[in-house]
PDB file of N, CA and C in Angstrom:
ATOM      1  N   MET A   1       5.644 -18.050   2.638  1.00  0.00           N
ATOM      2  CA  MET A   1       4.717 -17.190   1.931  1.00  0.00           C
ATOM      3  C   MET A   1       4.453 -15.943   2.774  1.00  0.00           C
ATOM      4  N   THR A   2       4.345 -14.831   2.123  1.00  0.00           N
ATOM      5  CA  THR A   2       4.083 -13.554   2.772  1.00  0.00           C
ATOM      6  C   THR A   2       2.587 -13.396   3.004  1.00  0.00           C
ATOM      7  N   ARG A   3       2.234 -12.812   4.147  1.00  0.00           N
ATOM      8  CA  ARG A   3       0.823 -12.552   4.449  1.00  0.00           C
ATOM      9  C   ARG A   3       0.557 -11.058   4.349  1.00  0.00           C
ATOM     10  N   ILE A   4      -0.589 -10.706   3.783  1.00  0.00           N
ATOM     11  CA  ILE A   4      -0.961  -9.303   3.634  1.00  0.00           C
ATOM     12  C   ILE A   4      -2.148  -9.013   4.532  1.00  0.00           C
ATOM     13  N   HIS A   5      -2.038  -7.927   5.292  1.00  0.00           N
ATOM     14  CA  HIS A   5      -3.099  -7.482   6.189  1.00  0.00           C
ATOM     15  C   HIS A   5      -3.467  -6.049   5.828  1.00  0.00           C
ATOM     16  N   ALA A   6      -4.744  -5.755   5.809  1.00  0.00           N
ATOM     17  CA  ALA A   6      -5.199  -4.376   5.600  1.00  0.00           C
ATOM     18  C   ALA A   6      -5.764  -3.872   6.917  1.00  0.00           C
ATOM     19  N   ILE A   7      -5.371  -2.670   7.304  1.00  0.00           N
ATOM     20  CA  ILE A   7      -5.884  -2.144   8.562  1.00  0.00           C
ATOM     21  C   ILE A   7      -7.298  -1.625   8.367  1.00  0.00           C
ATOM     22  N   SER A   8      -7.998  -1.485   9.463  1.00  0.00           N
ATOM     23  CA  SER A   8      -9.359  -0.970   9.439  1.00  0.00           C
ATOM     24  C   SER A   8      -9.365   0.418   8.817  1.00  0.00           C
ATOM     25  N   GLY A   9     -10.318   0.682   7.981  1.00  0.00           N
ATOM     26  CA  GLY A   9     -10.421   1.988   7.344  1.00  0.00           C
ATOM     27  C   GLY A   9      -9.870   1.999   5.927  1.00  0.00           C
ATOM     28  N   LEU A  10      -9.147   0.956   5.528  1.00  0.00           N
ATOM     29  CA  LEU A  10      -8.639   0.866   4.165  1.00  0.00           C
ATOM     30  C   LEU A  10      -9.708   0.175   3.333  1.00  0.00           C
ATOM     31  N   ASP A  11     -10.376   0.924   2.469  1.00  0.00           N
ATOM     32  CA  ASP A  11     -11.526   0.407   1.732  1.00  0.00           C
ATOM     33  C   ASP A  11     -11.157   0.128   0.277  1.00  0.00           C
ATOM     34  N   ILE A  12     -10.589  -1.027   0.027  1.00  0.00           N
ATOM     35  CA  ILE A  12     -10.207  -1.418  -1.327  1.00  0.00           C
ATOM     36  C   ILE A  12     -11.452  -1.595  -2.196  1.00  0.00           C
ATOM     37  N   ALA A  13     -12.541  -2.045  -1.608  1.00  0.00           N
ATOM     38  CA  ALA A  13     -13.780  -2.255  -2.362  1.00  0.00           C
ATOM     39  C   ALA A  13     -14.293  -0.962  -2.987  1.00  0.00           C
ATOM     40  N   ALA A  14     -13.912   0.193  -2.434  1.00  0.00           N
ATOM     41  CA  ALA A  14     -14.373   1.476  -2.958  1.00  0.00           C
ATOM     42  C   ALA A  14     -13.590   1.922  -4.196  1.00  0.00           C
ATOM     43  N   LEU A  15     -12.489   1.247  -4.503  1.00  0.00           N
ATOM     44  CA  LEU A  15     -11.705   1.622  -5.681  1.00  0.00           C
ATOM     45  C   LEU A  15     -12.474   1.297  -6.958  1.00  0.00           C
ATOM     46  N   PRO A  16     -12.256   2.071  -8.026  1.00  0.00           N
ATOM     47  CA  PRO A  16     -12.841   1.721  -9.324  1.00  0.00           C
ATOM     48  C   PRO A  16     -12.374   0.328  -9.765  1.00  0.00           C
ATOM     49  N   ALA A  17     -13.147  -0.317 -10.618  1.00  0.00           N
ATOM     50  CA  ALA A  17     -12.943  -1.727 -10.973  1.00  0.00           C
ATOM     51  C   ALA A  17     -11.537  -2.064 -11.455  1.00  0.00           C
ATOM     52  N   THR A  18     -10.974  -1.299 -12.399  1.00  0.00           N
ATOM     53  CA  THR A  18      -9.656  -1.674 -12.920  1.00  0.00           C
ATOM     54  C   THR A  18      -8.557  -1.452 -11.886  1.00  0.00           C
ATOM     55  N   LEU A  19      -8.720  -0.469 -11.021  1.00  0.00           N
ATOM     56  CA  LEU A  19      -7.737  -0.235  -9.960  1.00  0.00           C
ATOM     57  C   LEU A  19      -7.816  -1.331  -8.902  1.00  0.00           C
ATOM     58  N   LYS A  20      -9.023  -1.751  -8.596  1.00  0.00           N
ATOM     59  CA  LYS A  20      -9.207  -2.843  -7.638  1.00  0.00           C
ATOM     60  C   LYS A  20      -8.593  -4.139  -8.187  1.00  0.00           C
ATOM     61  N   ALA A  21      -8.821  -4.414  -9.470  1.00  0.00           N
ATOM     62  CA  ALA A  21      -8.251  -5.609 -10.094  1.00  0.00           C
ATOM     63  C   ALA A  21      -6.727  -5.558 -10.058  1.00  0.00           C
ATOM     64  N   ARG A  22      -6.161  -4.395 -10.330  1.00  0.00           N
ATOM     65  CA  ARG A  22      -4.702  -4.246 -10.299  1.00  0.00           C
ATOM     66  C   ARG A  22      -4.165  -4.430  -8.884  1.00  0.00           C
ATOM     67  N   TYR A  23      -4.895  -3.923  -7.891  1.00  0.00           N
ATOM     68  CA  TYR A  23      -4.501  -4.107  -6.492  1.00  0.00           C
ATOM     69  C   TYR A  23      -4.384  -5.601  -6.179  1.00  0.00           C
ATOM     70  N   PHE A  24      -5.391  -6.369  -6.553  1.00  0.00           N
ATOM     71  CA  PHE A  24      -5.369  -7.800  -6.250  1.00  0.00           C
ATOM     72  C   PHE A  24      -4.289  -8.537  -7.047  1.00  0.00           C
ATOM     73  N   GLN A  25      -4.032  -8.123  -8.286  1.00  0.00           N
ATOM     74  CA  GLN A  25      -2.941  -8.736  -9.055  1.00  0.00           C
ATOM     75  C   GLN A  25      -1.600  -8.519  -8.358  1.00  0.00           C
ATOM     76  N   LEU A  26      -1.343  -7.281  -7.956  1.00  0.00           N
ATOM     77  CA  LEU A  26      -0.053  -6.966  -7.342  1.00  0.00           C
ATOM     78  C   LEU A  26       0.087  -7.563  -5.946  1.00  0.00           C
ATOM     79  N   THR A  27      -0.982  -7.559  -5.160  1.00  0.00           N
ATOM     80  CA  THR A  27      -0.867  -8.149  -3.821  1.00  0.00           C
ATOM     81  C   THR A  27      -0.717  -9.668  -3.904  1.00  0.00           C
ATOM     82  N   ASP A  28      -1.309 -10.292  -4.906  1.00  0.00           N
ATOM     83  CA  ASP A  28      -1.079 -11.729  -5.113  1.00  0.00           C
ATOM     84  C   ASP A  28       0.402 -11.986  -5.395  1.00  0.00           C
ATOM     85  N   ARG A  29       1.014 -11.139  -6.222  1.00  0.00           N
ATOM     86  CA  ARG A  29       2.449 -11.276  -6.507  1.00  0.00           C
ATOM     87  C   ARG A  29       3.281 -11.047  -5.251  1.00  0.00           C
ATOM     88  N   MET A  30       2.863 -10.086  -4.431  1.00  0.00           N
ATOM     89  CA  MET A  30       3.590  -9.798  -3.190  1.00  0.00           C
ATOM     90  C   MET A  30       3.532 -10.986  -2.231  1.00  0.00           C
ATOM     91  N   GLU A  31       2.395 -11.659  -2.180  1.00  0.00           N
ATOM     92  CA  GLU A  31       2.271 -12.822  -1.301  1.00  0.00           C
ATOM     93  C   GLU A  31       3.232 -13.933  -1.710  1.00  0.00           C
ATOM     94  N   ILE A  32       3.482 -14.063  -2.990  1.00  0.00           N
ATOM     95  CA  ILE A  32       4.361 -15.117  -3.492  1.00  0.00           C
ATOM     96  C   ILE A  32       5.832 -14.695  -3.448  1.00  0.00           C
ATOM     97  N   HIS A  33       6.119 -13.491  -3.932  1.00  0.00           N
ATOM     98  CA  HIS A  33       7.507 -13.056  -4.127  1.00  0.00           C
ATOM     99  C   HIS A  33       8.022 -12.085  -3.070  1.00  0.00           C
ATOM    100  N   GLY A  34       7.171 -11.642  -2.172  1.00  0.00           N
ATOM    101  CA  GLY A  34       7.598 -10.673  -1.168  1.00  0.00           C
ATOM    102  C   GLY A  34       7.235  -9.247  -1.566  1.00  0.00           C
ATOM    103  N   PRO A  35       7.512  -8.296  -0.690  1.00  0.00           N
ATOM    104  CA  PRO A  35       7.013  -6.936  -0.865  1.00  0.00           C
ATOM    105  C   PRO A  35       7.739  -6.081  -1.895  1.00  0.00           C
ATOM    106  N   ASN A  36       8.947  -6.458  -2.302  1.00  0.00           N
ATOM    107  CA  ASN A  36       9.713  -5.589  -3.184  1.00  0.00           C
ATOM    108  C   ASN A  36       9.487  -5.949  -4.645  1.00  0.00           C
ATOM    109  N   LEU A  37       8.440  -5.399  -5.239  1.00  0.00           N
ATOM    110  CA  LEU A  37       8.160  -5.637  -6.653  1.00  0.00           C
ATOM    111  C   LEU A  37       8.936  -4.678  -7.544  1.00  0.00           C
ATOM    112  N   ARG A  38       9.533  -3.659  -6.957  1.00  0.00           N
ATOM    113  CA  ARG A  38      10.316  -2.627  -7.653  1.00  0.00           C
ATOM    114  C   ARG A  38       9.433  -1.713  -8.486  1.00  0.00           C
ATOM    115  N   GLU A  39      10.046  -0.608  -8.903  1.00  0.00           N
ATOM    116  CA  GLU A  39       9.322   0.339  -9.755  1.00  0.00           C
ATOM    117  C   GLU A  39       9.077  -0.311 -11.108  1.00  0.00           C
ATOM    118  N   PRO A  40       7.979  -0.069 -11.732  1.00  0.00           N
ATOM    119  CA  PRO A  40       6.974   0.954 -11.445  1.00  0.00           C
ATOM    120  C   PRO A  40       5.866   0.498 -10.496  1.00  0.00           C
ATOM    121  N   HIS A  41       5.967  -0.715  -9.954  1.00  0.00           N
ATOM    122  CA  HIS A  41       4.884  -1.243  -9.121  1.00  0.00           C
ATOM    123  C   HIS A  41       4.927  -0.751  -7.678  1.00  0.00           C
ATOM    124  N   THR A  42       6.126  -0.603  -7.135  1.00  0.00           N
ATOM    125  CA  THR A  42       6.275  -0.129  -5.759  1.00  0.00           C
ATOM    126  C   THR A  42       7.346   0.949  -5.708  1.00  0.00           C
ATOM    127  N   LYS A  43       7.286   1.752  -4.646  1.00  0.00           N
ATOM    128  CA  LYS A  43       8.288   2.794  -4.444  1.00  0.00           C
ATOM    129  C   LYS A  43       8.522   2.955  -2.949  1.00  0.00           C
ATOM    130  N   ALA A  44       9.783   3.097  -2.558  1.00  0.00           N
ATOM    131  CA  ALA A  44      10.131   3.301  -1.153  1.00  0.00           C
ATOM    132  C   ALA A  44      10.032   4.784  -0.806  1.00  0.00           C
ATOM    133  N   PHE A  45       9.481   5.071   0.379  1.00  0.00           N
ATOM    134  CA  PHE A  45       9.379   6.441   0.870  1.00  0.00           C
ATOM    135  C   PHE A  45      10.296   6.679   2.063  1.00  0.00           C
ATOM    136  N   GLY A  46      11.088   5.690   2.423  1.00  0.00           N
ATOM    137  CA  GLY A  46      12.012   5.823   3.544  1.00  0.00           C
ATOM    138  C   GLY A  46      11.370   5.449   4.858  1.00  0.00           C
ATOM    139  N   GLU A  47      12.217   5.095   5.826  1.00  0.00           N
ATOM    140  CA  GLU A  47      11.783   4.732   7.174  1.00  0.00           C
ATOM    141  C   GLU A  47      10.780   3.584   7.182  1.00  0.00           C
ATOM    142  N   GLY A  48      10.919   2.663   6.215  1.00  0.00           N
ATOM    143  CA  GLY A  48      10.071   1.480   6.191  1.00  0.00           C
ATOM    144  C   GLY A  48       8.703   1.655   5.559  1.00  0.00           C
ATOM    145  N   LEU A  49       8.450   2.813   4.950  1.00  0.00           N
ATOM    146  CA  LEU A  49       7.162   3.068   4.296  1.00  0.00           C
ATOM    147  C   LEU A  49       7.329   2.921   2.786  1.00  0.00           C
ATOM    148  N   PHE A  50       6.372   2.232   2.172  1.00  0.00           N
ATOM    149  CA  PHE A  50       6.393   1.996   0.731  1.00  0.00           C
ATOM    150  C   PHE A  50       5.023   2.320   0.155  1.00  0.00           C
ATOM    151  N   GLU A  51       4.981   2.478  -1.175  1.00  0.00           N
ATOM    152  CA  GLU A  51       3.683   2.632  -1.823  1.00  0.00           C
ATOM    153  C   GLU A  51       3.545   1.610  -2.927  1.00  0.00           C
ATOM    154  N   LEU A  52       2.341   1.092  -3.052  1.00  0.00           N
ATOM    155  CA  LEU A  52       1.949   0.214  -4.137  1.00  0.00           C
ATOM    156  C   LEU A  52       1.281   1.114  -5.163  1.00  0.00           C
ATOM    157  N   ARG A  53       1.767   1.080  -6.394  1.00  0.00           N
ATOM    158  CA  ARG A  53       1.286   1.999  -7.427  1.00  0.00           C
ATOM    159  C   ARG A  53       0.335   1.259  -8.363  1.00  0.00           C
ATOM    160  N   LEU A  54      -0.885   1.736  -8.433  1.00  0.00           N
ATOM    161  CA  LEU A  54      -1.925   1.086  -9.226  1.00  0.00           C
ATOM    162  C   LEU A  54      -2.311   1.975 -10.399  1.00  0.00           C
ATOM    163  N   LYS A  55      -2.320   1.412 -11.602  1.00  0.00           N
ATOM    164  CA  LYS A  55      -2.773   2.146 -12.784  1.00  0.00           C
ATOM    165  C   LYS A  55      -3.887   1.352 -13.433  1.00  0.00           C
ATOM    166  N   GLY A  56      -4.937   2.054 -13.843  1.00  0.00           N
ATOM    167  CA  GLY A  56      -6.058   1.412 -14.504  1.00  0.00           C
ATOM    168  C   GLY A  56      -6.750   2.400 -15.420  1.00  0.00           C
ATOM    169  N   ALA A  57      -7.787   1.954 -16.093  1.00  0.00           N
ATOM    170  CA  ALA A  57      -8.521   2.812 -17.023  1.00  0.00           C
ATOM    171  C   ALA A  57      -9.117   4.034 -16.331  1.00  0.00           C
ATOM    172  N   GLU A  58      -9.461   3.887 -15.050  1.00  0.00           N
ATOM    173  CA  GLU A  58     -10.088   4.996 -14.319  1.00  0.00           C
ATOM    174  C   GLU A  58      -9.079   5.970 -13.722  1.00  0.00           C
ATOM    175  N   GLY A  59      -7.797   5.679 -13.848  1.00  0.00           N
ATOM    176  CA  GLY A  59      -6.801   6.592 -13.298  1.00  0.00           C
ATOM    177  C   GLY A  59      -5.710   5.859 -12.540  1.00  0.00           C
ATOM    178  N   ILE A  60      -5.223   6.528 -11.503  1.00  0.00           N
ATOM    179  CA  ILE A  60      -4.106   6.018 -10.709  1.00  0.00           C
ATOM    180  C   ILE A  60      -4.492   6.045  -9.240  1.00  0.00           C
ATOM    181  N   ALA A  61      -4.109   5.001  -8.519  1.00  0.00           N
ATOM    182  CA  ALA A  61      -4.319   4.965  -7.067  1.00  0.00           C
ATOM    183  C   ALA A  61      -3.018   4.538  -6.414  1.00  0.00           C
ATOM    184  N   ARG A  62      -2.883   4.889  -5.164  1.00  0.00           N
ATOM    185  CA  ARG A  62      -1.712   4.519  -4.378  1.00  0.00           C
ATOM    186  C   ARG A  62      -2.180   3.886  -3.079  1.00  0.00           C
ATOM    187  N   VAL A  63      -1.454   2.875  -2.632  1.00  0.00           N
ATOM    188  CA  VAL A  63      -1.720   2.258  -1.334  1.00  0.00           C
ATOM    189  C   VAL A  63      -0.389   2.203  -0.589  1.00  0.00           C
ATOM    190  N   PHE A  64      -0.318   2.897   0.540  1.00  0.00           N
ATOM    191  CA  PHE A  64       0.891   2.867   1.359  1.00  0.00           C
ATOM    192  C   PHE A  64       0.898   1.594   2.198  1.00  0.00           C
ATOM    193  N   TYR A  65       2.090   1.029   2.387  1.00  0.00           N
ATOM    194  CA  TYR A  65       2.222  -0.174   3.211  1.00  0.00           C
ATOM    195  C   TYR A  65       3.567  -0.187   3.912  1.00  0.00           C
ATOM    196  N   CYS A  66       3.652  -1.037   4.927  1.00  0.00           N
ATOM    197  CA  CYS A  66       4.925  -1.283   5.608  1.00  0.00           C
ATOM    198  C   CYS A  66       5.066  -2.785   5.779  1.00  0.00           C
ATOM    199  N   THR A  67       6.277  -3.206   6.083  1.00  0.00           N
ATOM    200  CA  THR A  67       6.517  -4.626   6.312  1.00  0.00           C
ATOM    201  C   THR A  67       6.806  -4.841   7.786  1.00  0.00           C
ATOM    202  N   ARG A  68       6.465  -6.002   8.268  1.00  0.00           N
ATOM    203  CA  ARG A  68       6.664  -6.345   9.674  1.00  0.00           C
ATOM    204  C   ARG A  68       7.377  -7.684   9.759  1.00  0.00           C
ATOM    205  N   ILE A  69       7.874  -7.999  10.920  1.00  0.00           N
ATOM    206  CA  ILE A  69       8.553  -9.271  11.152  1.00  0.00           C
ATOM    207  C   ILE A  69       7.566 -10.416  10.913  1.00  0.00           C
ATOM    208  N   GLY A  70       8.069 -11.513  10.393  1.00  0.00           N
ATOM    209  CA  GLY A  70       7.218 -12.674  10.146  1.00  0.00           C
ATOM    210  C   GLY A  70       6.593 -12.652   8.767  1.00  0.00           C
ATOM    211  N   ARG A  71       7.268 -11.980   7.821  1.00  0.00           N
ATOM    212  CA  ARG A  71       6.791 -11.907   6.434  1.00  0.00           C
ATOM    213  C   ARG A  71       5.369 -11.362   6.344  1.00  0.00           C
ATOM    214  N   ARG A  72       5.121 -10.288   7.080  1.00  0.00           N
ATOM    215  CA  ARG A  72       3.821  -9.617   7.031  1.00  0.00           C
ATOM    216  C   ARG A  72       3.947  -8.304   6.278  1.00  0.00           C
ATOM    217  N   ILE A  73       2.960  -8.013   5.461  1.00  0.00           N
ATOM    218  CA  ILE A  73       2.835  -6.723   4.795  1.00  0.00           C
ATOM    219  C   ILE A  73       1.540  -6.116   5.310  1.00  0.00           C
ATOM    220  N   VAL A  74       1.612  -4.886   5.792  1.00  0.00           N
ATOM    221  CA  VAL A  74       0.428  -4.221   6.331  1.00  0.00           C
ATOM    222  C   VAL A  74       0.075  -3.047   5.424  1.00  0.00           C
ATOM    223  N   MET A  75      -1.095  -3.124   4.797  1.00  0.00           N
ATOM    224  CA  MET A  75      -1.594  -2.040   3.960  1.00  0.00           C
ATOM    225  C   MET A  75      -2.174  -0.971   4.882  1.00  0.00           C
ATOM    226  N   LEU A  76      -1.650   0.242   4.781  1.00  0.00           N
ATOM    227  CA  LEU A  76      -1.962   1.295   5.742  1.00  0.00           C
ATOM    228  C   LEU A  76      -3.018   2.283   5.271  1.00  0.00           C
ATOM    229  N   HIS A  77      -2.896   2.733   4.023  1.00  0.00           N
ATOM    230  CA  HIS A  77      -3.775   3.805   3.556  1.00  0.00           C
ATOM    231  C   HIS A  77      -3.759   3.831   2.036  1.00  0.00           C
ATOM    232  N   GLY A  78      -4.915   3.989   1.432  1.00  0.00           N
ATOM    233  CA  GLY A  78      -5.007   4.065  -0.016  1.00  0.00           C
ATOM    234  C   GLY A  78      -5.838   5.254  -0.457  1.00  0.00           C
ATOM    235  N   PHE A  79      -5.554   5.738  -1.664  1.00  0.00           N
ATOM    236  CA  PHE A  79      -6.301   6.870  -2.206  1.00  0.00           C
ATOM    237  C   PHE A  79      -6.152   6.890  -3.718  1.00  0.00           C
ATOM    238  N   VAL A  80      -7.115   7.519  -4.387  1.00  0.00           N
ATOM    239  CA  VAL A  80      -7.034   7.730  -5.826  1.00  0.00           C
ATOM    240  C   VAL A  80      -6.230   9.004  -6.026  1.00  0.00           C
ATOM    241  N   GLU A  81      -5.227   8.914  -6.860  1.00  0.00           N
ATOM    242  CA  GLU A  81      -4.286  10.018  -7.030  1.00  0.00           C
ATOM    243  C   GLU A  81      -4.773  11.011  -8.076  1.00  0.00           C
ATOM    244  N   LYS A  82      -4.530  12.288  -7.779  1.00  0.00           N
ATOM    245  CA  LYS A  82      -4.914  13.341  -8.707  1.00  0.00           C
ATOM    246  C   LYS A  82      -3.707  14.134  -9.199  1.00  0.00           C
ATOM    247  N   SER A  83      -2.521  13.842  -8.645  1.00  0.00           N
ATOM    248  CA  SER A  83      -1.298  14.531  -9.064  1.00  0.00           C
ATOM    249  C   SER A  83      -0.134  13.550  -9.019  1.00  0.00           C
ATOM    250  N   GLN A  84       1.017  13.962  -9.534  1.00  0.00           N
ATOM    251  CA  GLN A  84       2.196  13.099  -9.557  1.00  0.00           C
ATOM    252  C   GLN A  84       2.687  12.750  -8.162  1.00  0.00           C
ATOM    253  N   LYS A  85       2.691  13.723  -7.285  1.00  0.00           N
ATOM    254  CA  LYS A  85       3.229  13.560  -5.940  1.00  0.00           C
ATOM    255  C   LYS A  85       2.082  13.327  -4.964  1.00  0.00           C
ATOM    256  N   PRO A  86       2.225  12.375  -4.034  1.00  0.00           N
ATOM    257  CA  PRO A  86       1.130  12.161  -3.075  1.00  0.00           C
ATOM    258  C   PRO A  86       0.943  13.390  -2.187  1.00  0.00           C
ATOM    259  N   PRO A  87      -0.301  13.788  -1.954  1.00  0.00           N
ATOM    260  CA  PRO A  87      -0.552  14.936  -1.079  1.00  0.00           C
ATOM    261  C   PRO A  87       0.032  14.703   0.315  1.00  0.00           C
ATOM    262  N   ALA A  88       0.497  15.773   0.932  1.00  0.00           N
ATOM    263  CA  ALA A  88       1.138  15.693   2.249  1.00  0.00           C
ATOM    264  C   ALA A  88       0.219  15.041   3.277  1.00  0.00           C
ATOM    265  N   ARG A  89      -1.085  15.330   3.217  1.00  0.00           N
ATOM    266  CA  ARG A  89      -2.003  14.762   4.220  1.00  0.00           C
ATOM    267  C   ARG A  89      -2.121  13.249   4.074  1.00  0.00           C
ATOM    268  N   GLU A  90      -2.038  12.740   2.849  1.00  0.00           N
ATOM    269  CA  GLU A  90      -2.108  11.288   2.620  1.00  0.00           C
ATOM    270  C   GLU A  90      -0.850  10.608   3.171  1.00  0.00           C
ATOM    271  N   LEU A  91       0.294  11.217   2.920  1.00  0.00           N
ATOM    272  CA  LEU A  91       1.556  10.683   3.424  1.00  0.00           C
ATOM    273  C   LEU A  91       1.602  10.745   4.947  1.00  0.00           C
ATOM    274  N   LYS A  92       1.099  11.836   5.509  1.00  0.00           N
ATOM    275  CA  LYS A  92       1.076  11.993   6.973  1.00  0.00           C
ATOM    276  C   LYS A  92       0.200  10.917   7.616  1.00  0.00           C
ATOM    277  N   LEU A  93      -0.970  10.667   7.033  1.00  0.00           N
ATOM    278  CA  LEU A  93      -1.872   9.645   7.568  1.00  0.00           C
ATOM    279  C   LEU A  93      -1.221   8.259   7.499  1.00  0.00           C
ATOM    280  N   ALA A  94      -0.552   7.963   6.394  1.00  0.00           N
ATOM    281  CA  ALA A  94       0.129   6.668   6.264  1.00  0.00           C
ATOM    282  C   ALA A  94       1.220   6.524   7.321  1.00  0.00           C
ATOM    283  N   ARG A  95       1.985   7.578   7.547  1.00  0.00           N
ATOM    284  CA  ARG A  95       3.054   7.527   8.563  1.00  0.00           C
ATOM    285  C   ARG A  95       2.471   7.364   9.972  1.00  0.00           C
ATOM    286  N   GLN A  96       1.337   8.030  10.248  1.00  0.00           N
ATOM    287  CA  GLN A  96       0.680   7.867  11.554  1.00  0.00           C
ATOM    288  C   GLN A  96       0.275   6.413  11.762  1.00  0.00           C
ATOM    289  N   ARG A  97      -0.336   5.825  10.752  1.00  0.00           N
ATOM    290  CA  ARG A  97      -0.774   4.433  10.856  1.00  0.00           C
ATOM    291  C   ARG A  97       0.420   3.488  10.972  1.00  0.00           C
ATOM    292  N   GLN A  98       1.505   3.803  10.282  1.00  0.00           N
ATOM    293  CA  GLN A  98       2.717   2.996  10.395  1.00  0.00           C
ATOM    294  C   GLN A  98       3.230   3.016  11.830  1.00  0.00           C
ATOM    295  N   LYS A  99       3.255   4.188  12.442  1.00  0.00           N
ATOM    296  CA  LYS A  99       3.709   4.312  13.839  1.00  0.00           C
ATOM    297  C   LYS A  99       2.803   3.510  14.773  1.00  0.00           C
ATOM    298  N   GLU A 100       1.488   3.549  14.537  1.00  0.00           N
ATOM    299  CA  GLU A 100       0.551   2.784  15.362  1.00  0.00           C
ATOM    300  C   GLU A 100       0.851   1.285  15.267  1.00  0.00           C
ATOM    301  N   ILE A 101       1.128   0.806  14.060  1.00  0.00           N
ATOM    302  CA  ILE A 101       1.451  -0.610  13.859  1.00  0.00           C
ATOM    303  C   ILE A 101       2.757  -0.948  14.569  1.00  0.00           C
ATOM    304  N   GLU A 102       3.759  -0.091  14.425  1.00  0.00           N
ATOM    305  CA  GLU A 102       5.050  -0.332  15.077  1.00  0.00           C
ATOM    306  C   GLU A 102       4.898  -0.356  16.594  1.00  0.00           C
ATOM    307  N   ASN A 103       4.113   0.570  17.145  1.00  0.00           N
ATOM    308  CA  ASN A 103       3.898   0.610  18.596  1.00  0.00           C
ATOM    309  C   ASN A 103       3.137  -0.621  19.081  1.00  0.00           C
ATOM    310  N   ALA A 104       2.187  -1.088  18.289  1.00  0.00           N
ATOM    311  CA  ALA A 104       1.409  -2.274  18.671  1.00  0.00           C
ATOM    312  C   ALA A 104       2.280  -3.530  18.654  1.00  0.00           C
ATOM    313  N   ASP A 105       3.271  -3.558  17.757  1.00  0.00           N
ATOM    314  CA  ASP A 105       4.160  -4.719  17.652  1.00  0.00           C
ATOM    315  C   ASP A 105       5.282  -4.698  18.685  1.00  0.00           C
ATOM    316  N   ALA A 106       5.495  -3.544  19.322  1.00  0.00           N
ATOM    317  CA  ALA A 106       6.622  -3.413  20.279  1.00  0.00           C
ATOM    318  C   ALA A 106       6.335  -4.108  21.589  1.00  0.00           C
TER     319      ALA A 106
END
């Protein structure tokens, strides 16, 4: 079974209700079936970074994650989306956190 970890600062509780419910539905599936749920649920951004795509009545949210050895999924950064493409600052923050996780595991 896959284990999911959220890093400090990732506030899933702050998401609107339908987005939060969708997050838990998809992460439950990830725990059982692994991290690759495929589009439209997940998307690869290269270099080991992925996004979990959440749609609900209140809009769209994205949660960036990476995978680690030992069937671990680490949720790095989440935000409510306002455009089709994730803002550069959101992607940059996710990549920074990914590097921190990789360095801690080294």
